[in-house]
């Protein structure tokens, strides 16, 4: 799977163990090795840092509503994924995406 840059209306709600729900914009879905990851940016006025990007392991299902997110549990995996995300942000694709804002 290549990099997926979402449409403006692609959102996802994160549900945390403490009952909190945070609505996020999907920034990208991108591969690292054999796995896919998703980067999410919370919308404003939800009581969280809007500059913090949430990154999870992303497992797609046949039904688009049945995606599964998994925590990144090791420092090694986190380093690989964050490096790939940084490269993605540096790419011309994202420069063009955010030039219109």
PDB file of N, CA and C in Angstrom:
ATOM      1  N   UNK A   1       0.844  -1.179   0.000  1.00  0.00           N
ATOM      2  CA  UNK A   1       0.000   0.000   0.000  1.00  0.00           C
ATOM      3  C   UNK A   1       0.883   1.233   0.000  1.00  0.00           C
ATOM      4  N   UNK A   2       0.583   2.179  -0.865  1.00  0.00           N
ATOM      5  CA  UNK A   2       1.315   3.424  -0.908  1.00  0.00           C
ATOM      6  C   UNK A   2       0.769   4.382   0.130  1.00  0.00           C
ATOM      7  N   UNK A   3       1.295   5.577   0.109  1.00  0.00           N
ATOM      8  CA  UNK A   3       0.833   6.595   1.036  1.00  0.00           C
ATOM      9  C   UNK A   3      -0.562   7.040   0.670  1.00  0.00           C
ATOM     10  N   UNK A   4      -1.422   7.140   1.634  1.00  0.00           N
ATOM     11  CA  UNK A   4      -2.788   7.610   1.443  1.00  0.00           C
ATOM     12  C   UNK A   4      -2.890   8.990   2.051  1.00  0.00           C
ATOM     13  N   UNK A   5      -3.184   9.982   1.225  1.00  0.00           N
ATOM     14  CA  UNK A   5      -3.428  11.326   1.729  1.00  0.00           C
ATOM     15  C   UNK A   5      -4.930  11.532   1.670  1.00  0.00           C
ATOM     16  N   UNK A   6      -5.554  11.708   2.799  1.00  0.00           N
ATOM     17  CA  UNK A   6      -7.019  11.731   2.858  1.00  0.00           C
ATOM     18  C   UNK A   6      -7.639  12.982   2.264  1.00  0.00           C
ATOM     19  N   UNK A   7      -8.919  12.858   1.966  1.00  0.00           N
ATOM     20  CA  UNK A   7      -9.719  14.008   1.560  1.00  0.00           C
ATOM     21  C   UNK A   7      -9.943  14.881   2.791  1.00  0.00           C
ATOM     22  N   UNK A   8     -10.443  16.087   2.591  1.00  0.00           N
ATOM     23  CA  UNK A   8     -10.653  17.017   3.701  1.00  0.00           C
ATOM     24  C   UNK A   8     -11.617  16.495   4.755  1.00  0.00           C
ATOM     25  N   UNK A   9     -12.526  15.598   4.380  1.00  0.00           N
ATOM     26  CA  UNK A   9     -13.544  15.153   5.322  1.00  0.00           C
ATOM     27  C   UNK A   9     -13.208  13.835   6.012  1.00  0.00           C
ATOM     28  N   UNK A  10     -11.979  13.330   5.855  1.00  0.00           N
ATOM     29  CA  UNK A  10     -11.598  12.076   6.498  1.00  0.00           C
ATOM     30  C   UNK A  10     -11.265  12.319   7.963  1.00  0.00           C
ATOM     31  N   UNK A  11     -12.100  11.784   8.830  1.00  0.00           N
ATOM     32  CA  UNK A  11     -11.907  11.945  10.267  1.00  0.00           C
ATOM     33  C   UNK A  11     -12.015  10.594  10.951  1.00  0.00           C
ATOM     34  N   UNK A  12     -11.558  10.549  12.199  1.00  0.00           N
ATOM     35  CA  UNK A  12     -11.657   9.335  13.000  1.00  0.00           C
ATOM     36  C   UNK A  12     -11.813   9.754  14.459  1.00  0.00           C
ATOM     37  N   UNK A  13     -12.634   9.053  15.196  1.00  0.00           N
ATOM     38  CA  UNK A  13     -12.796   9.309  16.618  1.00  0.00           C
ATOM     39  C   UNK A  13     -11.991   8.282  17.396  1.00  0.00           C
ATOM     40  N   UNK A  14     -11.108   8.776  18.256  1.00  0.00           N
ATOM     41  CA  UNK A  14     -10.336   7.897  19.135  1.00  0.00           C
ATOM     42  C   UNK A  14     -11.086   7.762  20.452  1.00  0.00           C
ATOM     43  N   UNK A  15     -11.260   6.534  20.911  1.00  0.00           N
ATOM     44  CA  UNK A  15     -11.906   6.248  22.190  1.00  0.00           C
ATOM     45  C   UNK A  15     -10.848   5.693  23.139  1.00  0.00           C
ATOM     46  N   UNK A  16     -10.611   6.397  24.232  1.00  0.00           N
ATOM     47  CA  UNK A  16      -9.586   6.001  25.187  1.00  0.00           C
ATOM     48  C   UNK A  16     -10.195   5.205  26.341  1.00  0.00           C
ATOM     49  N   UNK A  17      -9.350   4.465  27.058  1.00  0.00           N
ATOM     50  CA  UNK A  17      -9.791   3.617  28.167  1.00  0.00           C
ATOM     51  C   UNK A  17     -10.507   4.393  29.265  1.00  0.00           C
ATOM     52  N   UNK A  18     -10.159   5.667  29.438  1.00  0.00           N
ATOM     53  CA  UNK A  18     -10.792   6.469  30.490  1.00  0.00           C
ATOM     54  C   UNK A  18     -12.143   7.044  30.057  1.00  0.00           C
ATOM     55  N   UNK A  19     -12.607   6.671  28.859  1.00  0.00           N
ATOM     56  CA  UNK A  19     -13.896   7.134  28.370  1.00  0.00           C
ATOM     57  C   UNK A  19     -13.821   8.378  27.506  1.00  0.00           C
ATOM     58  N   UNK A  20     -12.658   8.991  27.426  1.00  0.00           N
ATOM     59  CA  UNK A  20     -12.495  10.193  26.607  1.00  0.00           C
ATOM     60  C   UNK A  20     -12.598   9.843  25.131  1.00  0.00           C
ATOM     61  N   UNK A  21     -13.181  10.750  24.366  1.00  0.00           N
ATOM     62  CA  UNK A  21     -13.263  10.619  22.915  1.00  0.00           C
ATOM     63  C   UNK A  21     -12.644  11.859  22.297  1.00  0.00           C
ATOM     64  N   UNK A  22     -11.797  11.655  21.303  1.00  0.00           N
ATOM     65  CA  UNK A  22     -11.149  12.770  20.625  1.00  0.00           C
ATOM     66  C   UNK A  22     -11.363  12.605  19.125  1.00  0.00           C
ATOM     67  N   UNK A  23     -11.937  13.629  18.504  1.00  0.00           N
ATOM     68  CA  UNK A  23     -12.153  13.631  17.064  1.00  0.00           C
ATOM     69  C   UNK A  23     -10.872  14.130  16.392  1.00  0.00           C
ATOM     70  N   UNK A  24     -10.399  13.384  15.402  1.00  0.00           N
ATOM     71  CA  UNK A  24      -9.139  13.706  14.739  1.00  0.00           C
ATOM     72  C   UNK A  24      -9.291  13.728  13.224  1.00  0.00           C
ATOM     73  N   UNK A  25      -8.459  14.532  12.589  1.00  0.00           N
ATOM     74  CA  UNK A  25      -8.322  14.505  11.132  1.00  0.00           C
ATOM     75  C   UNK A  25      -7.289  13.445  10.787  1.00  0.00           C
ATOM     76  N   UNK A  26      -7.551  12.679   9.748  1.00  0.00           N
ATOM     77  CA  UNK A  26      -6.578  11.696   9.277  1.00  0.00           C
ATOM     78  C   UNK A  26      -5.567  12.441   8.414  1.00  0.00           C
ATOM     79  N   UNK A  27      -4.315  12.429   8.844  1.00  0.00           N
ATOM     80  CA  UNK A  27      -3.260  13.092   8.084  1.00  0.00           C
ATOM     81  C   UNK A  27      -2.779  12.177   6.962  1.00  0.00           C
ATOM     82  N   UNK A  28      -2.496  10.919   7.310  1.00  0.00           N
ATOM     83  CA  UNK A  28      -1.985   9.978   6.313  1.00  0.00           C
ATOM     84  C   UNK A  28      -2.039   8.562   6.841  1.00  0.00           C
ATOM     85  N   UNK A  29      -2.091   7.628   5.909  1.00  0.00           N
ATOM     86  CA  UNK A  29      -1.874   6.216   6.184  1.00  0.00           C
ATOM     87  C   UNK A  29      -0.650   5.850   5.352  1.00  0.00           C
ATOM     88  N   UNK A  30       0.359   5.261   5.995  1.00  0.00           N
ATOM     89  CA  UNK A  30       1.623   5.024   5.302  1.00  0.00           C
ATOM     90  C   UNK A  30       2.246   3.708   5.750  1.00  0.00           C
ATOM     91  N   UNK A  31       2.993   3.059   4.837  1.00  0.00           N
ATOM     92  CA  UNK A  31       3.627   1.782   5.177  1.00  0.00           C
ATOM     93  C   UNK A  31       5.013   1.986   5.784  1.00  0.00           C
ATOM     94  N   UNK A  32       5.362   1.093   6.683  1.00  0.00           N
ATOM     95  CA  UNK A  32       6.727   0.970   7.192  1.00  0.00           C
ATOM     96  C   UNK A  32       6.973  -0.529   7.270  1.00  0.00           C
ATOM     97  N   UNK A  33       7.874  -1.008   6.433  1.00  0.00           N
ATOM     98  CA  UNK A  33       8.095  -2.445   6.358  1.00  0.00           C
ATOM     99  C   UNK A  33       6.834  -3.137   5.869  1.00  0.00           C
ATOM    100  N   UNK A  34       6.419  -4.167   6.582  1.00  0.00           N
ATOM    101  CA  UNK A  34       5.250  -4.957   6.213  1.00  0.00           C
ATOM    102  C   UNK A  34       3.948  -4.439   6.823  1.00  0.00           C
ATOM    103  N   UNK A  35       4.027  -3.387   7.631  1.00  0.00           N
ATOM    104  CA  UNK A  35       2.852  -2.898   8.353  1.00  0.00           C
ATOM    105  C   UNK A  35       2.465  -1.506   7.881  1.00  0.00           C
ATOM    106  N   UNK A  36       1.205  -1.133   8.132  1.00  0.00           N
ATOM    107  CA  UNK A  36       0.713   0.203   7.820  1.00  0.00           C
ATOM    108  C   UNK A  36       0.455   0.964   9.109  1.00  0.00           C
ATOM    109  N   UNK A  37       0.599   2.276   9.027  1.00  0.00           N
ATOM    110  CA  UNK A  37       0.417   3.148  10.179  1.00  0.00           C
ATOM    111  C   UNK A  37      -0.474   4.316   9.776  1.00  0.00           C
ATOM    112  N   UNK A  38      -1.104   4.921  10.775  1.00  0.00           N
ATOM    113  CA  UNK A  38      -1.977   6.057  10.533  1.00  0.00           C
ATOM    114  C   UNK A  38      -1.550   7.202  11.436  1.00  0.00           C
ATOM    115  N   UNK A  39      -1.560   8.406  10.878  1.00  0.00           N
ATOM    116  CA  UNK A  39      -1.242   9.618  11.635  1.00  0.00           C
ATOM    117  C   UNK A  39      -2.514  10.442  11.758  1.00  0.00           C
ATOM    118  N   UNK A  40      -2.854  10.817  12.995  1.00  0.00           N
ATOM    119  CA  UNK A  40      -4.089  11.542  13.289  1.00  0.00           C
ATOM    120  C   UNK A  40      -3.770  12.836  14.031  1.00  0.00           C
ATOM    121  N   UNK A  41      -4.474  13.902  13.673  1.00  0.00           N
ATOM    122  CA  UNK A  41      -4.281  15.203  14.314  1.00  0.00           C
ATOM    123  C   UNK A  41      -5.597  15.617  14.958  1.00  0.00           C
ATOM    124  N   UNK A  42      -5.613  15.834  16.291  1.00  0.00           N
ATOM    125  CA  UNK A  42      -6.869  16.200  16.960  1.00  0.00           C
ATOM    126  C   UNK A  42      -7.360  17.583  16.533  1.00  0.00           C
ATOM    127  N   UNK A  43      -8.678  17.713  16.438  1.00  0.00           N
ATOM    128  CA  UNK A  43      -9.284  19.007  16.158  1.00  0.00           C
ATOM    129  C   UNK A  43      -9.162  19.896  17.391  1.00  0.00           C
ATOM    130  N   UNK A  44      -9.308  21.193  17.208  1.00  0.00           N
ATOM    131  CA  UNK A  44      -9.202  22.160  18.297  1.00  0.00           C
ATOM    132  C   UNK A  44     -10.338  22.008  19.307  1.00  0.00           C
ATOM    133  N   UNK A  45     -10.136  22.606  20.479  1.00  0.00           N
ATOM    134  CA  UNK A  45     -11.149  22.727  21.532  1.00  0.00           C
ATOM    135  C   UNK A  45     -11.648  21.390  22.067  1.00  0.00           C
ATOM    136  N   UNK A  46     -10.716  20.448  22.268  1.00  0.00           N
ATOM    137  CA  UNK A  46     -11.081  19.161  22.851  1.00  0.00           C
ATOM    138  C   UNK A  46     -10.310  18.885  24.136  1.00  0.00           C
ATOM    139  N   UNK A  47      -9.577  19.893  24.603  1.00  0.00           N
ATOM    140  CA  UNK A  47      -8.832  19.720  25.838  1.00  0.00           C
ATOM    141  C   UNK A  47      -7.537  18.952  25.679  1.00  0.00           C
ATOM    142  N   UNK A  48      -7.051  18.815  24.449  1.00  0.00           N
ATOM    143  CA  UNK A  48      -5.766  18.148  24.204  1.00  0.00           C
ATOM    144  C   UNK A  48      -4.890  19.082  23.380  1.00  0.00           C
ATOM    145  N   UNK A  49      -3.618  18.776  23.327  1.00  0.00           N
ATOM    146  CA  UNK A  49      -2.673  19.568  22.541  1.00  0.00           C
ATOM    147  C   UNK A  49      -2.935  19.325  21.064  1.00  0.00           C
ATOM    148  N   UNK A  50      -3.393  20.364  20.359  1.00  0.00           N
ATOM    149  CA  UNK A  50      -3.725  20.224  18.944  1.00  0.00           C
ATOM    150  C   UNK A  50      -2.496  20.043  18.064  1.00  0.00           C
ATOM    151  N   UNK A  51      -1.302  20.273  18.623  1.00  0.00           N
ATOM    152  CA  UNK A  51      -0.071  20.091  17.854  1.00  0.00           C
ATOM    153  C   UNK A  51       0.458  18.667  17.958  1.00  0.00           C
ATOM    154  N   UNK A  52      -0.131  17.861  18.823  1.00  0.00           N
ATOM    155  CA  UNK A  52       0.316  16.487  19.007  1.00  0.00           C
ATOM    156  C   UNK A  52      -0.318  15.597  17.947  1.00  0.00           C
ATOM    157  N   UNK A  53       0.507  14.827  17.272  1.00  0.00           N
ATOM    158  CA  UNK A  53       0.029  13.879  16.264  1.00  0.00           C
ATOM    159  C   UNK A  53       0.003  12.501  16.908  1.00  0.00           C
ATOM    160  N   UNK A  54      -1.119  11.813  16.754  1.00  0.00           N
ATOM    161  CA  UNK A  54      -1.246  10.443  17.244  1.00  0.00           C
ATOM    162  C   UNK A  54      -0.918   9.497  16.103  1.00  0.00           C
ATOM    163  N   UNK A  55      -0.013   8.553  16.344  1.00  0.00           N
ATOM    164  CA  UNK A  55       0.358   7.575  15.321  1.00  0.00           C
ATOM    165  C   UNK A  55       0.111   6.183  15.884  1.00  0.00           C
ATOM    166  N   UNK A  56      -0.595   5.369  15.099  1.00  0.00           N
ATOM    167  CA  UNK A  56      -0.939   3.999  15.490  1.00  0.00           C
ATOM    168  C   UNK A  56      -0.644   3.046  14.351  1.00  0.00           C
ATOM    169  N   UNK A  57      -0.448   1.788  14.699  1.00  0.00           N
ATOM    170  CA  UNK A  57      -0.431   0.730  13.699  1.00  0.00           C
ATOM    171  C   UNK A  57      -1.858   0.616  13.175  1.00  0.00           C
ATOM    172  N   UNK A  58      -2.008   0.510  11.876  1.00  0.00           N
ATOM    173  CA  UNK A  58      -3.315   0.573  11.226  1.00  0.00           C
ATOM    174  C   UNK A  58      -3.573  -0.727  10.488  1.00  0.00           C
ATOM    175  N   UNK A  59      -4.697  -1.366  10.803  1.00  0.00           N
ATOM    176  CA  UNK A  59      -5.082  -2.609  10.133  1.00  0.00           C
ATOM    177  C   UNK A  59      -6.442  -2.381   9.502  1.00  0.00           C
ATOM    178  N   UNK A  60      -6.474  -2.389   8.180  1.00  0.00           N
ATOM    179  CA  UNK A  60      -7.719  -2.151   7.451  1.00  0.00           C
ATOM    180  C   UNK A  60      -8.489  -3.456   7.307  1.00  0.00           C
ATOM    181  N   UNK A  61      -9.793  -3.322   7.292  1.00  0.00           N
ATOM    182  CA  UNK A  61     -10.677  -4.470   7.062  1.00  0.00           C
ATOM    183  C   UNK A  61     -11.411  -4.228   5.755  1.00  0.00           C
ATOM    184  N   UNK A  62     -12.122  -5.246   5.286  1.00  0.00           N
ATOM    185  CA  UNK A  62     -12.891  -5.083   4.052  1.00  0.00           C
ATOM    186  C   UNK A  62     -13.915  -3.966   4.198  1.00  0.00           C
ATOM    187  N   UNK A  63     -14.544  -3.901   5.355  1.00  0.00           N
ATOM    188  CA  UNK A  63     -15.497  -2.833   5.640  1.00  0.00           C
ATOM    189  C   UNK A  63     -14.696  -1.641   6.160  1.00  0.00           C
ATOM    190  N   UNK A  64     -14.754  -0.516   5.465  1.00  0.00           N
ATOM    191  CA  UNK A  64     -13.942   0.652   5.823  1.00  0.00           C
ATOM    192  C   UNK A  64     -14.190   1.131   7.250  1.00  0.00           C
ATOM    193  N   UNK A  65     -15.341   0.819   7.820  1.00  0.00           N
ATOM    194  CA  UNK A  65     -15.647   1.255   9.184  1.00  0.00           C
ATOM    195  C   UNK A  65     -15.048   0.336  10.237  1.00  0.00           C
ATOM    196  N   UNK A  66     -14.543  -0.807   9.837  1.00  0.00           N
ATOM    197  CA  UNK A  66     -14.008  -1.784  10.775  1.00  0.00           C
ATOM    198  C   UNK A  66     -12.483  -1.779  10.816  1.00  0.00           C
ATOM    199  N   UNK A  67     -11.873  -0.607  10.847  1.00  0.00           N
ATOM    200  CA  UNK A  67     -10.420  -0.541  10.950  1.00  0.00           C
ATOM    201  C   UNK A  67     -10.010  -0.829  12.385  1.00  0.00           C
ATOM    202  N   UNK A  68      -8.791  -1.286  12.528  1.00  0.00           N
ATOM    203  CA  UNK A  68      -8.268  -1.581  13.859  1.00  0.00           C
ATOM    204  C   UNK A  68      -6.996  -0.774  14.061  1.00  0.00           C
ATOM    205  N   UNK A  69      -6.887  -0.116  15.209  1.00  0.00           N
ATOM    206  CA  UNK A  69      -5.691   0.622  15.574  1.00  0.00           C
ATOM    207  C   UNK A  69      -4.999  -0.103  16.712  1.00  0.00           C
ATOM    208  N   UNK A  70      -3.679  -0.218  16.615  1.00  0.00           N
ATOM    209  CA  UNK A  70      -2.906  -0.859  17.670  1.00  0.00           C
ATOM    210  C   UNK A  70      -1.806   0.090  18.114  1.00  0.00           C
ATOM    211  N   UNK A  71      -1.511   0.075  19.406  1.00  0.00           N
ATOM    212  CA  UNK A  71      -0.426   0.888  19.942  1.00  0.00           C
ATOM    213  C   UNK A  71       0.910   0.393  19.413  1.00  0.00           C
ATOM    214  N   UNK A  72       1.834   1.325  19.252  1.00  0.00           N
ATOM    215  CA  UNK A  72       3.213   0.989  18.926  1.00  0.00           C
ATOM    216  C   UNK A  72       3.902   0.755  20.260  1.00  0.00           C
ATOM    217  N   UNK A  73       4.369  -0.464  20.479  1.00  0.00           N
ATOM    218  CA  UNK A  73       4.788  -0.849  21.816  1.00  0.00           C
ATOM    219  C   UNK A  73       6.284  -0.840  22.067  1.00  0.00           C
ATOM    220  N   UNK A  74       7.110  -0.812  21.020  1.00  0.00           N
ATOM    221  CA  UNK A  74       8.552  -0.840  21.269  1.00  0.00           C
ATOM    222  C   UNK A  74       9.191   0.464  20.784  1.00  0.00           C
ATOM    223  N   UNK A  75      10.283   0.824  21.431  1.00  0.00           N
ATOM    224  CA  UNK A  75      11.019   2.023  21.028  1.00  0.00           C
ATOM    225  C   UNK A  75      11.568   1.873  19.615  1.00  0.00           C
ATOM    226  N   UNK A  76      12.001   0.673  19.269  1.00  0.00           N
ATOM    227  CA  UNK A  76      12.561   0.420  17.939  1.00  0.00           C
ATOM    228  C   UNK A  76      11.509   0.659  16.851  1.00  0.00           C
ATOM    229  N   UNK A  77      10.317   0.110  17.046  1.00  0.00           N
ATOM    230  CA  UNK A  77       9.243   0.316  16.081  1.00  0.00           C
ATOM    231  C   UNK A  77       8.872   1.799  16.018  1.00  0.00           C
ATOM    232  N   UNK A  78       8.782   2.457  17.179  1.00  0.00           N
ATOM    233  CA  UNK A  78       8.427   3.875  17.213  1.00  0.00           C
ATOM    234  C   UNK A  78       9.439   4.712  16.425  1.00  0.00           C
ATOM    235  N   UNK A  79      10.733   4.426  16.582  1.00  0.00           N
ATOM    236  CA  UNK A  79      11.774   5.162  15.862  1.00  0.00           C
ATOM    237  C   UNK A  79      11.605   5.004  14.347  1.00  0.00           C
ATOM    238  N   UNK A  80      11.371   3.775  13.896  1.00  0.00           N
ATOM    239  CA  UNK A  80      11.189   3.540  12.457  1.00  0.00           C
ATOM    240  C   UNK A  80       9.974   4.284  11.924  1.00  0.00           C
ATOM    241  N   UNK A  81       8.872   4.227  12.665  1.00  0.00           N
ATOM    242  CA  UNK A  81       7.629   4.849  12.224  1.00  0.00           C
ATOM    243  C   UNK A  81       7.733   6.372  12.261  1.00  0.00           C
ATOM    244  N   UNK A  82       8.309   6.925  13.320  1.00  0.00           N
ATOM    245  CA  UNK A  82       8.417   8.379  13.397  1.00  0.00           C
ATOM    246  C   UNK A  82       9.373   8.915  12.334  1.00  0.00           C
ATOM    247  N   UNK A  83      10.442   8.171  12.026  1.00  0.00           N
ATOM    248  CA  UNK A  83      11.337   8.581  10.940  1.00  0.00           C
ATOM    249  C   UNK A  83      10.610   8.569   9.600  1.00  0.00           C
ATOM    250  N   UNK A  84       9.817   7.537   9.360  1.00  0.00           N
ATOM    251  CA  UNK A  84       9.052   7.461   8.109  1.00  0.00           C
ATOM    252  C   UNK A  84       8.031   8.590   8.024  1.00  0.00           C
ATOM    253  N   UNK A  85       7.390   8.916   9.141  1.00  0.00           N
ATOM    254  CA  UNK A  85       6.412  10.004   9.149  1.00  0.00           C
ATOM    255  C   UNK A  85       7.109  11.345   8.894  1.00  0.00           C
ATOM    256  N   UNK A  86       8.267  11.556   9.498  1.00  0.00           N
ATOM    257  CA  UNK A  86       9.022  12.788   9.262  1.00  0.00           C
ATOM    258  C   UNK A  86       9.394  12.920   7.786  1.00  0.00           C
ATOM    259  N   UNK A  87       9.824  11.822   7.173  1.00  0.00           N
ATOM    260  CA  UNK A  87      10.150  11.845   5.749  1.00  0.00           C
ATOM    261  C   UNK A  87       8.915  12.174   4.917  1.00  0.00           C
ATOM    262  N   UNK A  88       7.794  11.629   5.316  1.00  0.00           N
ATOM    263  CA  UNK A  88       6.539  11.887   4.621  1.00  0.00           C
ATOM    264  C   UNK A  88       6.188  13.369   4.696  1.00  0.00           C
ATOM    265  N   UNK A  89       6.367  13.975   5.856  1.00  0.00           N
ATOM    266  CA  UNK A  89       6.078  15.397   6.014  1.00  0.00           C
ATOM    267  C   UNK A  89       7.017  16.257   5.179  1.00  0.00           C
ATOM    268  N   UNK A  90       8.235  15.778   4.980  1.00  0.00           N
ATOM    269  CA  UNK A  90       9.213  16.529   4.197  1.00  0.00           C
ATOM    270  C   UNK A  90       8.995  16.390   2.694  1.00  0.00           C
ATOM    271  N   UNK A  91       8.194  15.430   2.286  1.00  0.00           N
ATOM    272  CA  UNK A  91       8.025  15.168   0.856  1.00  0.00           C
ATOM    273  C   UNK A  91       7.235  16.282   0.179  1.00  0.00           C
ATOM    274  N   UNK A  92       7.413  16.403  -1.104  1.00  0.00           N
ATOM    275  CA  UNK A  92       6.699  17.419  -1.871  1.00  0.00           C
ATOM    276  C   UNK A  92       5.196  17.211  -1.838  1.00  0.00           C
ATOM    277  N   UNK A  93       4.774  15.964  -1.703  1.00  0.00           N
ATOM    278  CA  UNK A  93       3.346  15.670  -1.642  1.00  0.00           C
ATOM    279  C   UNK A  93       2.679  16.472  -0.523  1.00  0.00           C
ATOM    280  N   UNK A  94       3.280  16.470   0.655  1.00  0.00           N
ATOM    281  CA  UNK A  94       2.697  17.183   1.782  1.00  0.00           C
ATOM    282  C   UNK A  94       2.896  18.682   1.656  1.00  0.00           C
ATOM    283  N   UNK A  95       4.011  19.105   1.049  1.00  0.00           N
ATOM    284  CA  UNK A  95       4.200  20.525   0.812  1.00  0.00           C
ATOM    285  C   UNK A  95       3.072  21.072  -0.053  1.00  0.00           C
ATOM    286  N   UNK A  96       2.736  20.342  -1.101  1.00  0.00           N
ATOM    287  CA  UNK A  96       1.648  20.756  -1.981  1.00  0.00           C
ATOM    288  C   UNK A  96       0.307  20.710  -1.256  1.00  0.00           C
ATOM    289  N   UNK A  97       0.106  19.711  -0.416  1.00  0.00           N
ATOM    290  CA  UNK A  97      -1.155  19.553   0.298  1.00  0.00           C
ATOM    291  C   UNK A  97      -1.428  20.758   1.198  1.00  0.00           C
ATOM    292  N   UNK A  98      -0.395  21.255   1.869  1.00  0.00           N
ATOM    293  CA  UNK A  98      -0.584  22.329   2.830  1.00  0.00           C
ATOM    294  C   UNK A  98      -0.312  23.714   2.245  1.00  0.00           C
ATOM    295  N   UNK A  99       0.127  23.810   0.984  1.00  0.00           N
ATOM    296  CA  UNK A  99       0.352  25.114   0.365  1.00  0.00           C
ATOM    297  C   UNK A  99      -0.926  25.920   0.233  1.00  0.00           C
ATOM    298  N   UNK A 100      -2.052  25.251   0.055  1.00  0.00           N
ATOM    299  CA  UNK A 100      -3.321  25.944  -0.150  1.00  0.00           C
ATOM    300  C   UNK A 100      -3.933  26.489   1.122  1.00  0.00           C
ATOM    301  N   UNK A 101      -3.358  26.201   2.277  1.00  0.00           N
ATOM    302  CA  UNK A 101      -3.947  26.649   3.546  1.00  0.00           C
ATOM    303  C   UNK A 101      -3.388  27.968   3.987  1.00  0.00           C
TER     304      UNK A 101
END
